[in-house]
Amino acid sequence: MVDRRALVALVALLLVLAGCTSMEPTPLGYYRIRSGDTLFGIARRYRVSYKTLARWNKLRPPYRIYAGSLLRFETPRGKISSTKRSGWQTSRTAKVAKRLSAKRRATARTSTKAERRAADKRARVASGLRWRWPLGGKVVQGFRSGNRTLQGIRIAGRPGQKVVAAESGTVVYSNSGLKGYGNLIIIKHAKGYLSAYGFNRRLLVREGTRVKRGQGIAEVGQASDGAYRLHFEVRRNGTSVDPLEYLP
């Protein structure tokens, strides 16, 4: 039988150290792929069409990417359309080009929103879990890979507002021992997933408790700036992933 204290210590260590692996510097215009990343998720993060990313990186369906590899997310040199002509370019031509560029950007934004929604649905289905929002409120801080205390999202709340489990699982940590998270709860789910809930005012469940999806587990507390926030993370096999790719 696995020692529960050892399991809790391991989970806490993963939460603190995940994402800290040192690698060679990532060139400008490139993203180094992490475990759990998808082409659709990266496209959403950098606001680029996944088809464009696939074209720049010579990827073909089903668009497989591998942890540790580099992915270009900026236009390759020489691919930007330009008008290198002898003589000079009239101001009218420049204005027309500017209007066309604005139209293309607007079309790309519309296309990207639809692709983001489809990518989110794919991520939720792929996880095999039925994720739900842990708190009803506005997302005031997005996911930032590489920053330990920002490898999640922050949701605005009210003092004492109920925080609920995003999915069923077992509470493996319920304490305030991890610096930067305040009163923290970590829930272990199926298929190698963990969810973490920080900045709580009061913890309502103990370690070892089996909780159901939507069950109250804590009360919203204050972040370091005094604002009432919930810090929420999702980790897959110890690696942080963007919760917005899983939440409905």
Protein backbone atom coordinates (compact mmCIF):
# COMPACT_ATOMS: atom_id res chain seq x y z
CA MET A 1 0.00 0.00 0.00
CA VAL A 2 1.37 3.46 -0.97
CA ASP A 3 2.22 5.77 1.95
CA ARG A 4 -0.27 8.67 1.74
CA ARG A 5 2.27 11.15 3.15
CA ALA A 6 4.76 10.18 0.48
CA LEU A 7 2.08 10.66 -2.19
CA VAL A 8 1.19 14.12 -0.87
CA ALA A 9 4.86 15.10 -0.77
CA LEU A 10 5.34 13.92 -4.35
CA VAL A 11 2.31 15.84 -5.61
CA ALA A 12 3.46 19.01 -3.84
CA LEU A 13 6.96 18.63 -5.31
CA LEU A 14 5.53 18.21 -8.81
CA LEU A 15 3.45 21.35 -8.38
CA VAL A 16 6.47 23.40 -7.32
CA LEU A 17 9.05 22.04 -9.73
CA ALA A 18 7.10 21.23 -12.89
CA GLY A 19 8.14 23.37 -15.81
CA CYS A 20 11.56 24.17 -14.34
CA THR A 21 13.58 21.81 -16.55
CA SER A 22 16.50 23.70 -18.07
CA MET A 23 16.87 23.62 -21.84
CA GLU A 24 18.89 25.54 -24.38
CA PRO A 25 17.54 29.03 -25.14
CA THR A 26 14.52 29.12 -27.42
CA PRO A 27 15.11 31.24 -30.56
CA LEU A 28 12.96 34.30 -31.17
CA GLY A 29 9.79 33.48 -33.07
CA TYR A 30 9.79 29.88 -31.86
CA TYR A 31 8.02 28.02 -29.04
CA ARG A 32 9.50 24.96 -27.35
CA ILE A 33 6.80 22.30 -27.13
CA ARG A 34 5.93 20.98 -23.67
CA SER A 35 4.33 17.71 -22.66
CA GLY A 36 0.57 17.99 -23.03
CA ASP A 37 0.69 20.74 -25.68
CA THR A 38 -1.43 20.50 -28.83
CA LEU A 39 -1.08 22.41 -32.07
CA PHE A 40 -4.58 23.84 -31.54
CA GLY A 41 -3.73 25.00 -28.02
CA ILE A 42 -0.50 26.71 -29.13
CA ALA A 43 -2.33 28.36 -32.04
CA ARG A 44 -4.88 29.72 -29.60
CA ARG A 45 -2.19 31.01 -27.25
CA TYR A 46 -0.42 32.97 -30.00
CA ARG A 47 -3.64 33.94 -31.81
CA VAL A 48 -2.64 32.24 -35.05
CA SER A 49 -4.66 29.84 -37.20
CA TYR A 50 -3.61 26.24 -36.54
CA LYS A 51 -3.53 25.71 -40.31
CA THR A 52 -1.06 28.57 -40.63
CA LEU A 53 1.13 27.07 -37.89
CA ALA A 54 0.98 23.71 -39.65
CA ARG A 55 2.03 25.30 -42.94
CA TRP A 56 4.94 27.24 -41.40
CA ASN A 57 6.19 24.10 -39.65
CA LYS A 58 5.46 21.69 -42.53
CA LEU A 59 3.04 19.61 -40.45
CA ARG A 60 0.40 17.39 -41.97
CA PRO A 61 -2.81 15.98 -40.43
CA PRO A 62 -3.20 14.77 -37.71
CA TYR A 63 -0.66 17.49 -36.78
CA ARG A 64 1.45 15.52 -34.29
CA ILE A 65 3.93 17.56 -32.25
CA TYR A 66 6.53 16.34 -29.77
CA ALA A 67 7.73 17.67 -26.41
CA GLY A 68 11.12 19.40 -26.61
CA SER A 69 10.80 20.28 -30.31
CA LEU A 70 10.65 23.85 -31.62
CA LEU A 71 7.53 25.25 -33.29
CA ARG A 72 7.63 28.45 -35.34
CA PHE A 73 4.78 30.84 -34.44
CA GLU A 74 5.91 33.91 -36.42
CA THR A 75 5.93 34.35 -40.19
CA PRO A 76 9.12 32.86 -41.68
CA ARG A 77 11.43 35.37 -43.31
CA GLY A 78 10.79 35.81 -46.98
CA LYS A 79 7.16 34.76 -46.64
CA ILE A 80 5.80 38.21 -45.86
CA SER A 81 4.28 39.62 -48.99
CA SER A 82 6.10 42.78 -50.07
CA THR A 83 6.27 45.04 -53.09
CA LYS A 84 9.95 45.52 -53.87
CA ARG A 85 9.73 47.59 -56.97
CA SER A 86 12.08 49.98 -58.65
CA GLY A 87 11.10 53.58 -58.22
CA TRP A 88 8.53 54.56 -55.60
CA GLN A 89 5.17 53.26 -54.35
CA THR A 90 2.26 55.66 -54.46
CA SER A 91 0.41 56.59 -51.26
CA ARG A 92 -2.82 55.27 -52.81
CA THR A 93 -1.27 51.83 -53.27
CA ALA A 94 -0.07 51.89 -49.66
CA LYS A 95 -3.57 52.76 -48.38
CA VAL A 96 -5.15 49.96 -50.41
CA ALA A 97 -2.59 47.50 -49.08
CA LYS A 98 -3.29 48.67 -45.52
CA ARG A 99 -7.06 48.17 -45.93
CA LEU A 100 -6.55 44.70 -47.38
CA SER A 101 -4.24 43.82 -44.49
CA ALA A 102 -6.87 44.96 -41.93
CA LYS A 103 -9.51 42.83 -43.69
CA ARG A 104 -7.27 39.78 -43.60
CA ARG A 105 -6.60 40.29 -39.89
CA ALA A 106 -10.33 40.57 -39.15
CA THR A 107 -11.04 37.41 -41.16
CA ALA A 108 -8.21 35.58 -39.37
CA ARG A 109 -9.58 36.63 -35.95
CA THR A 110 -13.04 35.28 -36.81
CA SER A 111 -11.54 32.03 -38.08
CA THR A 112 -9.31 31.71 -35.02
CA LYS A 113 -12.25 32.06 -32.59
CA ALA A 114 -14.08 29.18 -34.26
CA GLU A 115 -10.90 27.10 -34.26
CA ARG A 116 -10.33 27.89 -30.56
CA ARG A 117 -13.81 26.66 -29.67
CA ALA A 118 -13.23 23.46 -31.63
CA ALA A 119 -9.78 22.98 -30.02
CA ASP A 120 -11.23 23.45 -26.52
CA LYS A 121 -13.86 20.80 -27.19
CA ARG A 122 -11.23 18.39 -28.52
CA ALA A 123 -9.04 18.88 -25.41
CA ARG A 124 -11.95 18.23 -23.05
CA VAL A 125 -12.95 15.07 -24.92
CA ALA A 126 -9.31 13.88 -25.11
CA SER A 127 -8.88 14.19 -21.33
CA GLY A 128 -11.75 11.74 -20.78
CA LEU A 129 -12.97 13.93 -17.90
CA ARG A 130 -16.01 16.20 -17.57
CA TRP A 131 -14.37 19.46 -16.46
CA ARG A 132 -16.49 22.29 -15.06
CA TRP A 133 -15.66 25.80 -13.86
CA PRO A 134 -14.52 25.81 -10.20
CA LEU A 135 -15.88 29.33 -9.70
CA GLY A 136 -18.35 31.59 -11.48
CA GLY A 137 -16.42 34.76 -12.25
CA LYS A 138 -14.30 36.66 -14.77
CA VAL A 139 -10.88 35.34 -15.75
CA VAL A 140 -8.51 38.17 -14.79
CA GLN A 141 -5.20 36.40 -15.39
CA GLY A 142 -4.46 33.91 -18.14
CA PHE A 143 -2.09 30.96 -18.28
CA ARG A 144 1.63 31.79 -18.46
CA SER A 145 3.92 28.86 -19.14
CA GLY A 146 7.29 29.05 -17.39
CA ASN A 147 6.16 31.11 -14.38
CA ARG A 148 5.53 28.76 -11.43
CA THR A 149 2.85 30.88 -9.74
CA LEU A 150 1.14 31.81 -13.04
CA GLN A 151 0.90 28.33 -14.59
CA GLY A 152 -2.85 28.50 -14.28
CA ILE A 153 -5.65 31.06 -14.46
CA ARG A 154 -7.02 33.47 -11.88
CA ILE A 155 -10.74 34.02 -11.53
CA ALA A 156 -12.30 37.02 -9.78
CA GLY A 157 -14.61 36.18 -6.90
CA ARG A 158 -16.41 37.52 -3.85
CA PRO A 159 -15.34 37.11 -0.22
CA GLY A 160 -16.37 33.65 0.94
CA GLN A 161 -17.78 32.60 -2.44
CA LYS A 162 -17.88 28.79 -2.77
CA VAL A 163 -15.11 27.09 -4.76
CA VAL A 164 -16.14 23.70 -6.21
CA ALA A 165 -14.23 20.70 -7.53
CA ALA A 166 -13.77 20.95 -11.29
CA GLU A 167 -14.00 17.15 -11.57
CA SER A 168 -14.40 14.19 -9.23
CA GLY A 169 -11.29 12.90 -7.51
CA THR A 170 -9.36 12.50 -4.24
CA VAL A 171 -7.95 15.40 -2.21
CA VAL A 172 -4.20 14.77 -1.91
CA TYR A 173 -3.26 18.15 -0.42
CA SER A 174 -5.21 20.55 1.80
CA ASN A 175 -2.91 22.97 3.59
CA SER A 176 -0.97 26.25 3.34
CA GLY A 177 2.57 24.89 3.12
CA LEU A 178 3.37 25.90 -0.48
CA LYS A 179 4.61 29.49 -0.74
CA GLY A 180 2.74 31.66 -3.21
CA TYR A 181 -0.52 29.67 -3.17
CA GLY A 182 -1.99 30.52 0.25
CA ASN A 183 -4.52 27.95 1.47
CA LEU A 184 -4.26 25.35 -1.28
CA ILE A 185 -6.19 22.26 -2.30
CA ILE A 186 -4.92 19.70 -4.82
CA ILE A 187 -7.24 17.03 -6.21
CA LYS A 188 -6.02 13.93 -8.02
CA HIS A 189 -8.23 12.82 -10.92
CA ALA A 190 -8.21 9.88 -13.29
CA LYS A 191 -5.88 9.58 -16.31
CA GLY A 192 -2.94 11.39 -14.62
CA TYR A 193 -4.67 14.74 -14.10
CA LEU A 194 -4.42 17.03 -11.06
CA SER A 195 -6.29 20.25 -10.33
CA ALA A 196 -5.12 22.90 -7.85
CA TYR A 197 -7.13 25.64 -6.11
CA GLY A 198 -5.19 28.44 -4.38
CA PHE A 199 -5.76 31.72 -2.41
CA ASN A 200 -8.63 30.20 -0.41
CA ARG A 201 -9.95 31.85 2.74
CA ARG A 202 -11.12 28.57 4.23
CA LEU A 203 -10.60 24.93 3.27
CA LEU A 204 -13.69 22.71 3.51
CA VAL A 205 -12.19 19.27 2.78
CA ARG A 206 -9.32 17.27 4.24
CA GLU A 207 -6.60 15.20 2.62
CA GLY A 208 -7.85 11.77 1.61
CA THR A 209 -11.43 12.99 1.06
CA ARG A 210 -13.17 11.73 -2.07
CA VAL A 211 -15.01 14.65 -3.69
CA LYS A 212 -17.55 14.82 -6.48
CA ARG A 213 -17.62 17.16 -9.47
CA GLY A 214 -19.27 20.42 -8.33
CA GLN A 215 -18.84 19.74 -4.61
CA GLY A 216 -17.85 22.70 -2.44
CA ILE A 217 -14.21 22.40 -1.34
CA ALA A 218 -13.19 25.91 -0.21
CA GLU A 219 -14.14 29.59 0.12
CA VAL A 220 -12.61 32.33 -2.03
CA GLY A 221 -9.83 34.28 -0.35
CA GLN A 222 -7.42 37.10 -1.21
CA ALA A 223 -4.42 37.14 -3.51
CA SER A 224 -1.21 38.97 -2.56
CA ASP A 225 -2.61 42.25 -3.94
CA GLY A 226 -5.64 42.03 -1.65
CA ALA A 227 -8.12 41.21 -4.44
CA TYR A 228 -10.43 38.23 -4.03
CA ARG A 229 -9.27 35.62 -6.52
CA LEU A 230 -9.12 31.89 -7.14
CA HIS A 231 -5.87 30.55 -8.56
CA PHE A 232 -6.76 27.44 -10.60
CA GLU A 233 -4.37 25.01 -12.27
CA VAL A 234 -4.69 21.82 -14.28
CA ARG A 235 -1.72 19.46 -14.59
CA ARG A 236 -1.37 16.41 -16.79
CA ASN A 237 1.25 13.87 -15.74
CA GLY A 238 2.92 16.57 -13.64
CA THR A 239 3.07 19.19 -16.41
CA SER A 240 0.96 22.34 -16.28
CA VAL A 241 -1.53 22.83 -19.12
CA ASP A 242 -3.78 25.77 -19.95
CA PRO A 243 -7.05 25.21 -18.02
CA LEU A 244 -8.98 27.17 -20.66
CA GLU A 245 -8.34 24.33 -23.11
CA TYR A 246 -10.32 22.00 -20.83
CA LEU A 247 -13.02 24.14 -19.25
CA PRO A 248 -16.34 24.42 -21.12
